[in-house]
């Protein structure tokens, strides 16, 4: 019964959180990107001599906004800050305010720009951080009774969150929907960095704690670490005019490709459904259709219903969705991700097969698997 209730709560959270947001988001045909220059004001971020991370973040973010004005003038671009300020004296409130702004703007994408630093000075390169909840170690932590999370400046400590609270369930639901999109955007951005000769370390997650902004945003979103201030080569690059221009250009191009992909996804779904779509009606109809059908990656099948946090889902615990299919005993199909085409799903299949070697792409309609 507990598993059934949990599944019902998760489904409700998806409907109340993701679908409602999507419906609001497409009320205006103009797409929105929210750029967040990390830190600012009393919060300098990483420091290398007299060089402050907050200044690097702001310079690159302002360039991204300027470039997007040329590359995609129809896109609405908002910045969390355009000067050396913070949004609140308290770091936790400051970071929550950024997520809140993005949510109020009904953003289609959230991009936070930061720079890294480590004691290991040999580490260099850019990376993309996405939201990750759950996992073996985290799920074994004792559950807190308070219906709130405790955050410490930049981070939310997952072990301090009540896993039965609505806030956690909503975050888990948003992650299930947004994770494939976040990773897709991260891959696009990584390719853009590498094309400009900048090392890319991949799409990564935080483990025992997650960034406050990622925990609270409703739309797809990532944190971009443009390089390591603790590495001499990276520091020289990310503080140079040439380096900042290239980094901003890479980020802007990735955003343009992502937004263009949204249009293609919506258009292909409308075409497949056989609907006659006008420019005025397309956004709302297409978004709803995209939620109802598409392609996904089947991880495994079972003879019975499983908890989505079951340990056999490995790192995909809490991120799988149940689809039904076939008339045999193994009718319960557990899948990862929702994609507009088989090729889009196949792009993530190689990564999934590192954990589930027999995973494959299937098509679904509503809660049912239709074909491979």
Protein backbone atom coordinates (compact mmCIF):
# COMPACT_ATOMS: atom_id res chain seq x y z
CA UNK A 1 0.00 0.00 0.00
CA UNK A 2 2.83 2.39 0.84
CA UNK A 3 4.32 1.92 -2.63
CA UNK A 4 0.94 2.62 -4.23
CA UNK A 5 0.47 5.78 -2.15
CA UNK A 6 3.99 6.87 -3.00
CA UNK A 7 3.34 6.34 -6.70
CA UNK A 8 0.07 8.27 -6.47
CA UNK A 9 1.80 11.16 -4.71
CA UNK A 10 4.53 11.22 -7.33
CA UNK A 11 1.98 11.19 -10.14
CA UNK A 12 0.05 13.97 -8.44
CA UNK A 13 3.23 15.98 -8.01
CA UNK A 14 4.00 15.56 -11.69
CA UNK A 15 0.55 16.79 -12.63
CA UNK A 16 0.50 19.66 -10.15
CA UNK A 17 4.12 20.66 -10.62
CA UNK A 18 5.30 19.90 -14.12
CA UNK A 19 2.14 19.94 -16.19
CA UNK A 20 0.71 23.06 -14.62
CA UNK A 21 4.02 24.82 -15.11
CA UNK A 22 4.16 23.70 -18.71
CA UNK A 23 0.66 24.98 -19.38
CA UNK A 24 1.51 28.35 -17.86
CA UNK A 25 4.84 28.45 -19.62
CA UNK A 26 3.32 28.19 -23.08
CA UNK A 27 0.71 30.87 -22.51
CA UNK A 28 3.09 33.20 -24.34
CA UNK A 29 4.79 32.01 -27.55
CA UNK A 30 7.99 33.85 -26.60
CA UNK A 31 10.53 31.51 -25.06
CA UNK A 32 12.43 32.57 -21.94
CA UNK A 33 15.95 31.83 -20.72
CA UNK A 34 17.09 32.84 -17.23
CA UNK A 35 20.83 33.45 -16.89
CA UNK A 36 22.18 33.43 -13.34
CA UNK A 37 25.68 34.89 -12.79
CA UNK A 38 26.64 33.01 -9.62
CA UNK A 39 27.41 34.85 -6.36
CA UNK A 40 27.73 38.65 -6.32
CA UNK A 41 27.86 41.47 -3.78
CA UNK A 42 28.94 40.16 -0.37
CA UNK A 43 29.47 36.68 -1.78
CA UNK A 44 32.61 36.60 -3.94
CA UNK A 45 32.66 32.86 -4.63
CA UNK A 46 36.08 31.35 -5.32
CA UNK A 47 39.10 33.64 -5.00
CA UNK A 48 42.47 33.48 -6.78
CA UNK A 49 44.68 36.31 -5.54
CA UNK A 50 42.73 39.46 -6.39
CA UNK A 51 40.52 37.67 -8.92
CA UNK A 52 36.97 36.98 -7.72
CA UNK A 53 34.67 34.34 -9.19
CA UNK A 54 31.64 36.65 -9.02
CA UNK A 55 33.30 39.02 -11.51
CA UNK A 56 34.09 36.25 -14.00
CA UNK A 57 30.53 34.93 -13.76
CA UNK A 58 29.03 38.36 -14.41
CA UNK A 59 31.26 39.22 -17.37
CA UNK A 60 30.49 35.96 -19.16
CA UNK A 61 26.75 36.23 -18.38
CA UNK A 62 26.53 39.76 -19.78
CA UNK A 63 28.28 38.57 -22.94
CA UNK A 64 25.84 35.65 -23.25
CA UNK A 65 22.90 38.05 -23.05
CA UNK A 66 24.45 40.33 -25.68
CA UNK A 67 25.18 37.43 -28.02
CA UNK A 68 21.70 35.99 -27.66
CA UNK A 69 20.29 39.38 -28.66
CA UNK A 70 22.04 38.93 -32.02
CA UNK A 71 21.69 35.17 -32.46
CA UNK A 72 18.06 34.80 -31.33
CA UNK A 73 16.40 38.23 -30.92
CA UNK A 74 12.96 36.66 -30.39
CA UNK A 75 14.21 35.00 -27.19
CA UNK A 76 13.48 36.76 -23.88
CA UNK A 77 16.70 36.82 -21.84
CA UNK A 78 16.69 37.65 -18.11
CA UNK A 79 19.69 37.96 -15.80
CA UNK A 80 19.56 37.36 -12.05
CA UNK A 81 21.90 40.35 -11.70
CA UNK A 82 23.57 42.77 -14.10
CA UNK A 83 25.88 44.38 -11.54
CA UNK A 84 27.97 43.36 -8.54
CA UNK A 85 25.07 42.84 -6.15
CA UNK A 86 23.51 40.02 -4.18
CA UNK A 87 19.79 39.41 -4.00
CA UNK A 88 19.73 38.97 -0.22
CA UNK A 89 22.14 39.19 2.69
CA UNK A 90 21.49 35.54 3.56
CA UNK A 91 23.15 33.18 1.07
CA UNK A 92 20.41 30.57 1.23
CA UNK A 93 17.67 33.13 0.64
CA UNK A 94 19.76 34.69 -2.14
CA UNK A 95 19.96 31.40 -4.02
CA UNK A 96 16.30 30.57 -3.43
CA UNK A 97 15.39 34.02 -4.80
CA UNK A 98 17.12 33.22 -8.09
CA UNK A 99 15.13 30.02 -8.53
CA UNK A 100 11.95 31.84 -7.52
CA UNK A 101 12.55 34.52 -10.17
CA UNK A 102 13.07 31.90 -12.88
CA UNK A 103 9.85 30.16 -11.83
CA UNK A 104 7.85 33.40 -11.83
CA UNK A 105 9.13 34.19 -15.33
CA UNK A 106 8.01 30.73 -16.50
CA UNK A 107 11.49 30.16 -17.91
CA UNK A 108 12.06 27.46 -20.53
CA UNK A 109 15.66 27.08 -19.39
CA UNK A 110 17.75 28.12 -16.38
CA UNK A 111 21.53 28.48 -16.79
CA UNK A 112 23.71 29.39 -13.80
CA UNK A 113 27.30 30.41 -14.60
CA UNK A 114 30.09 29.69 -12.12
CA UNK A 115 33.81 28.90 -11.92
CA UNK A 116 35.39 26.06 -9.96
CA UNK A 117 38.30 25.79 -7.52
CA UNK A 118 40.04 22.82 -5.90
CA UNK A 119 43.08 22.10 -3.78
CA UNK A 120 44.21 19.87 -6.68
CA UNK A 121 45.65 22.51 -9.00
CA UNK A 122 46.05 20.11 -11.91
CA UNK A 123 42.28 19.78 -12.39
CA UNK A 124 41.05 21.84 -15.33
CA UNK A 125 38.14 22.09 -17.76
CA UNK A 126 34.47 23.01 -17.85
CA UNK A 127 31.65 20.85 -16.54
CA UNK A 128 27.87 20.92 -16.24
CA UNK A 129 26.11 20.09 -12.96
CA UNK A 130 22.53 18.75 -12.94
CA UNK A 131 20.11 17.90 -10.15
CA UNK A 132 20.43 14.44 -8.62
CA UNK A 133 18.27 13.21 -5.76
CA UNK A 134 18.29 9.75 -4.25
CA UNK A 135 21.05 7.19 -4.59
CA UNK A 136 22.25 4.32 -2.42
CA UNK A 137 23.99 6.36 0.25
CA UNK A 138 21.38 9.09 0.46
CA UNK A 139 18.45 6.74 0.80
CA UNK A 140 20.11 5.01 3.78
CA UNK A 141 20.28 8.27 5.74
CA UNK A 142 17.87 8.64 8.67
CA UNK A 143 14.78 10.60 7.64
CA UNK A 144 14.20 13.88 9.42
CA UNK A 145 10.75 14.62 10.83
CA UNK A 146 10.68 18.34 9.96
CA UNK A 147 8.67 19.31 6.87
CA UNK A 148 11.39 21.63 5.61
CA UNK A 149 14.89 21.30 4.26
CA UNK A 150 18.01 22.76 5.85
CA UNK A 151 20.25 24.57 3.44
CA UNK A 152 23.70 25.93 3.96
CA UNK A 153 24.37 28.87 1.64
CA UNK A 154 24.84 27.31 -1.81
CA UNK A 155 23.62 23.83 -0.97
CA UNK A 156 20.65 21.84 0.25
CA UNK A 157 21.74 18.85 2.34
CA UNK A 158 19.64 15.93 1.17
CA UNK A 159 20.05 13.95 4.41
CA UNK A 160 18.26 16.80 6.23
CA UNK A 161 15.16 16.65 4.02
CA UNK A 162 12.09 14.69 5.04
CA UNK A 163 11.67 12.27 2.11
CA UNK A 164 7.91 12.22 2.75
CA UNK A 165 7.55 15.99 2.50
CA UNK A 166 5.72 17.55 -0.44
CA UNK A 167 8.78 19.69 -1.23
CA UNK A 168 10.94 16.61 -1.74
CA UNK A 169 8.27 14.74 -3.72
CA UNK A 170 7.81 17.76 -6.01
CA UNK A 171 11.58 18.04 -6.54
CA UNK A 172 11.76 14.33 -7.31
CA UNK A 173 8.92 14.65 -9.81
CA UNK A 174 10.56 17.62 -11.54
CA UNK A 175 13.82 15.71 -11.71
CA UNK A 176 12.14 12.70 -13.36
CA UNK A 177 10.74 14.97 -16.07
CA UNK A 178 13.67 17.36 -16.52
CA UNK A 179 16.71 15.11 -16.09
CA UNK A 180 16.93 13.85 -19.70
CA UNK A 181 16.48 17.43 -20.94
CA UNK A 182 19.15 18.75 -18.56
CA UNK A 183 21.62 16.11 -19.70
CA UNK A 184 20.79 16.73 -23.35
CA UNK A 185 21.51 20.44 -22.92
CA UNK A 186 24.69 19.61 -21.00
CA UNK A 187 25.86 17.44 -23.89
CA UNK A 188 25.15 20.20 -26.41
CA UNK A 189 27.10 22.67 -24.29
CA UNK A 190 30.01 20.27 -23.87
CA UNK A 191 30.29 19.87 -27.62
CA UNK A 192 30.31 23.67 -28.05
CA UNK A 193 33.13 24.02 -25.51
CA UNK A 194 35.21 21.30 -27.16
CA UNK A 195 34.73 22.82 -30.62
CA UNK A 196 36.42 25.94 -29.27
CA UNK A 197 39.31 23.95 -27.83
CA UNK A 198 38.19 24.11 -24.18
CA UNK A 199 38.35 20.87 -22.21
CA UNK A 200 34.97 19.48 -21.11
CA UNK A 201 34.77 17.14 -18.10
CA UNK A 202 31.19 16.03 -18.66
CA UNK A 203 27.75 16.29 -17.07
CA UNK A 204 27.98 15.68 -13.34
CA UNK A 205 25.85 15.61 -10.19
CA UNK A 206 26.30 16.54 -6.55
CA UNK A 207 25.91 13.62 -4.18
CA UNK A 208 25.21 14.31 -0.49
CA UNK A 209 24.12 17.87 -1.18
CA UNK A 210 22.62 19.63 -4.16
CA UNK A 211 22.72 23.22 -5.28
CA UNK A 212 19.81 25.22 -3.84
CA UNK A 213 18.93 26.73 -7.20
CA UNK A 214 18.68 23.33 -8.90
CA UNK A 215 16.54 21.94 -6.09
CA UNK A 216 14.00 24.74 -6.45
CA UNK A 217 13.74 25.54 -10.17
CA UNK A 218 10.72 24.14 -12.01
CA UNK A 219 12.09 24.30 -15.55
CA UNK A 220 15.05 22.39 -17.02
CA UNK A 221 18.25 23.92 -15.72
CA UNK A 222 21.97 23.43 -15.15
CA UNK A 223 24.94 24.99 -13.41
CA UNK A 224 27.84 25.60 -15.79
CA UNK A 225 31.31 25.58 -14.23
CA UNK A 226 33.35 27.30 -16.94
CA UNK A 227 36.76 26.29 -15.58
CA UNK A 228 39.01 25.97 -12.53
CA UNK A 229 40.36 29.15 -10.99
CA UNK A 230 42.80 26.96 -9.06
CA UNK A 231 44.43 25.86 -12.33
CA UNK A 232 46.84 28.35 -13.90
CA UNK A 233 45.92 27.49 -17.50
CA UNK A 234 42.16 27.64 -16.86
CA UNK A 235 42.43 30.84 -14.84
CA UNK A 236 44.32 32.59 -17.62
CA UNK A 237 41.72 31.46 -20.16
CA UNK A 238 38.54 32.29 -18.22
CA UNK A 239 39.81 35.75 -17.26
CA UNK A 240 41.03 36.68 -20.75
CA UNK A 241 38.89 38.64 -23.19
CA UNK A 242 39.30 35.89 -25.79
CA UNK A 243 38.41 33.12 -23.36
CA UNK A 244 35.35 34.87 -21.98
CA UNK A 245 34.11 35.66 -25.48
CA UNK A 246 34.53 32.02 -26.57
CA UNK A 247 32.87 30.68 -23.42
CA UNK A 248 29.94 33.06 -23.81
CA UNK A 249 29.64 32.20 -27.50
CA UNK A 250 29.57 28.48 -26.66
CA UNK A 251 26.86 28.96 -24.04
CA UNK A 252 24.81 31.20 -26.34
CA UNK A 253 25.04 28.73 -29.24
CA UNK A 254 24.00 25.87 -26.96
CA UNK A 255 20.97 27.86 -25.78
CA UNK A 256 20.00 28.70 -29.38
CA UNK A 257 20.26 25.02 -30.37
CA UNK A 258 18.22 23.99 -27.33
CA UNK A 259 15.47 26.51 -28.04
CA UNK A 260 15.39 25.54 -31.71
CA UNK A 261 15.15 21.90 -30.66
CA UNK A 262 12.12 22.74 -28.52
CA UNK A 263 10.40 24.12 -31.62
CA UNK A 264 11.25 21.00 -33.63
CA UNK A 265 10.09 18.72 -30.81
CA UNK A 266 6.76 20.50 -30.52
CA UNK A 267 6.32 20.61 -34.26
CA UNK A 268 7.07 16.90 -34.77
CA UNK A 269 4.68 15.89 -32.01
CA UNK A 270 1.88 17.97 -33.52
CA UNK A 271 2.56 16.46 -36.95
CA UNK A 272 2.52 12.92 -35.57
CA UNK A 273 -0.81 13.55 -33.82
CA UNK A 274 -2.39 14.67 -37.11
CA UNK A 275 -3.58 17.96 -35.65
CA UNK A 276 -3.83 21.09 -37.76
CA UNK A 277 -1.66 23.53 -35.85
CA UNK A 278 -1.85 27.28 -36.19
CA UNK A 279 0.89 29.61 -35.00
CA UNK A 280 -1.37 30.86 -32.23
CA UNK A 281 -2.47 27.45 -30.95
CA UNK A 282 0.73 25.44 -31.46
CA UNK A 283 2.55 25.96 -28.14
CA UNK A 284 -0.25 24.81 -25.80
CA UNK A 285 -1.39 21.84 -27.94
CA UNK A 286 2.12 20.61 -28.65
CA UNK A 287 3.32 20.76 -25.05
CA UNK A 288 0.37 18.69 -23.86
CA UNK A 289 0.92 16.15 -26.66
CA UNK A 290 4.60 15.85 -25.80
CA UNK A 291 3.69 14.81 -22.25
CA UNK A 292 1.22 12.21 -23.51
CA UNK A 293 3.41 10.28 -25.97
CA UNK A 294 6.96 9.90 -27.19
CA UNK A 295 9.99 7.66 -26.77
CA UNK A 296 11.68 6.38 -23.65
CA UNK A 297 14.48 4.00 -22.62
CA UNK A 298 13.29 0.74 -21.07
CA UNK A 299 15.63 -0.38 -18.28
CA UNK A 300 13.91 -3.57 -17.15
CA UNK A 301 10.55 -5.34 -16.90
CA UNK A 302 8.98 -7.04 -13.91
CA UNK A 303 6.17 -9.43 -13.01
CA UNK A 304 5.01 -7.03 -10.26
CA UNK A 305 4.88 -3.34 -9.50
CA UNK A 306 8.07 -2.00 -7.94
CA UNK A 307 8.84 1.05 -5.83
CA UNK A 308 10.57 3.65 -8.01
CA UNK A 309 13.22 3.89 -5.26
CA UNK A 310 13.96 0.15 -5.43
CA UNK A 311 17.70 -0.52 -5.22
CA UNK A 312 17.75 -2.48 -8.49
CA UNK A 313 17.25 0.80 -10.37
CA UNK A 314 20.76 1.78 -9.22
CA UNK A 315 21.58 5.43 -9.92
CA UNK A 316 18.21 5.84 -11.64
CA UNK A 317 16.34 5.31 -8.37
CA UNK A 318 13.54 7.82 -8.06
CA UNK A 319 13.90 8.78 -11.73
CA UNK A 320 12.20 5.84 -13.43
CA UNK A 321 8.61 5.76 -14.65
CA UNK A 322 6.26 2.81 -14.97
CA UNK A 323 4.75 1.89 -18.34
CA UNK A 324 2.61 -1.14 -19.07
CA UNK A 325 3.12 -3.43 -22.05
CA UNK A 326 2.56 -6.93 -23.41
CA UNK A 327 0.23 -9.68 -22.31
CA UNK A 328 2.79 -11.94 -20.62
CA UNK A 329 3.98 -12.05 -17.04
CA UNK A 330 6.50 -9.22 -17.42
CA UNK A 331 3.96 -6.48 -18.06
CA UNK A 332 5.49 -3.84 -15.77
CA UNK A 333 8.05 -1.87 -17.79
CA UNK A 334 10.38 0.54 -15.98
CA UNK A 335 11.73 3.30 -18.16
CA UNK A 336 13.94 6.37 -18.03
CA UNK A 337 13.36 9.68 -19.79
CA UNK A 338 10.80 11.09 -22.22
CA UNK A 339 11.97 12.02 -25.72
CA UNK A 340 10.27 13.39 -28.85
CA UNK A 341 12.01 10.94 -31.21
CA UNK A 342 13.86 7.63 -31.15
CA UNK A 343 17.08 9.37 -32.23
CA UNK A 344 16.86 11.75 -29.26
CA UNK A 345 16.41 8.78 -26.91
CA UNK A 346 19.25 6.88 -28.57
CA UNK A 347 21.61 9.74 -27.73
CA UNK A 348 21.28 8.78 -24.03
CA UNK A 349 21.08 5.02 -24.56
CA UNK A 350 24.83 4.44 -24.49
CA UNK A 351 25.12 6.05 -21.06
CA UNK A 352 22.16 4.08 -19.70
CA UNK A 353 23.66 0.80 -20.97
CA UNK A 354 26.64 1.29 -18.66
CA UNK A 355 24.26 0.24 -15.88
CA UNK A 356 21.58 -1.67 -17.84
CA UNK A 357 23.29 -3.47 -20.72
CA UNK A 358 20.00 -4.72 -22.18
CA UNK A 359 18.26 -1.31 -22.18
CA UNK A 360 16.62 -0.23 -25.43
CA UNK A 361 14.43 2.51 -26.88
CA UNK A 362 10.65 2.05 -26.98
CA UNK A 363 7.70 4.18 -28.02
CA UNK A 364 4.90 4.93 -25.57
CA UNK A 365 1.46 6.50 -25.54
CA UNK A 366 0.20 7.57 -22.14
CA UNK A 367 1.05 4.78 -19.71
CA UNK A 368 1.54 2.04 -22.30
CA UNK A 369 4.49 0.79 -24.33
CA UNK A 370 3.56 0.56 -28.02
CA UNK A 371 6.64 -0.78 -29.79
CA UNK A 372 10.44 -0.83 -29.86
